C-alpha cells in the first residue's frame, strides 16, 4: 500500500516535470543528492559484503549461485544510482546557472 502511494507520487512528479529545474518543483523535491549518495553507499556496502561472503563460502555452490544473481541486481542498482547522482548534480548546476540560485544542495526530507 505504501509502495503504491510512493509510486503514484513519483509518477505524478515525473508527469508534471517541465524541464525547468525549478528548486520548488515536486520532481526536484523528490530526492536529494545526499539521499542518493546515501543509497549508493548502502548498495556499495552490500556489494562489498556479498563479495566477501562469496570468498568465505567458496565451496557452497547453492550460495554462490544465489550470490551471482544478487551481484547482478546490486550492480544494476549501483549503476542506476550513479546515473541519478549525475543527473541530479547536472540539474543543480543548471538551476544555479539559469536561475542564479545558490549551488547548495540541501537535504529534502524534513526530520522533526
Foldseek 3Di string as FASTA:
>chain_A
DVVVVLVVLQVVQVVPDPPPLPCPGSNNLSFFLVRLVVVLVVLVVVLVVLVVVCVVPVPPPVSVVVSVVVNVVSVVVNVVSVVVSVVSLVSLVCCCVPVVDDSDTDGSDDDD
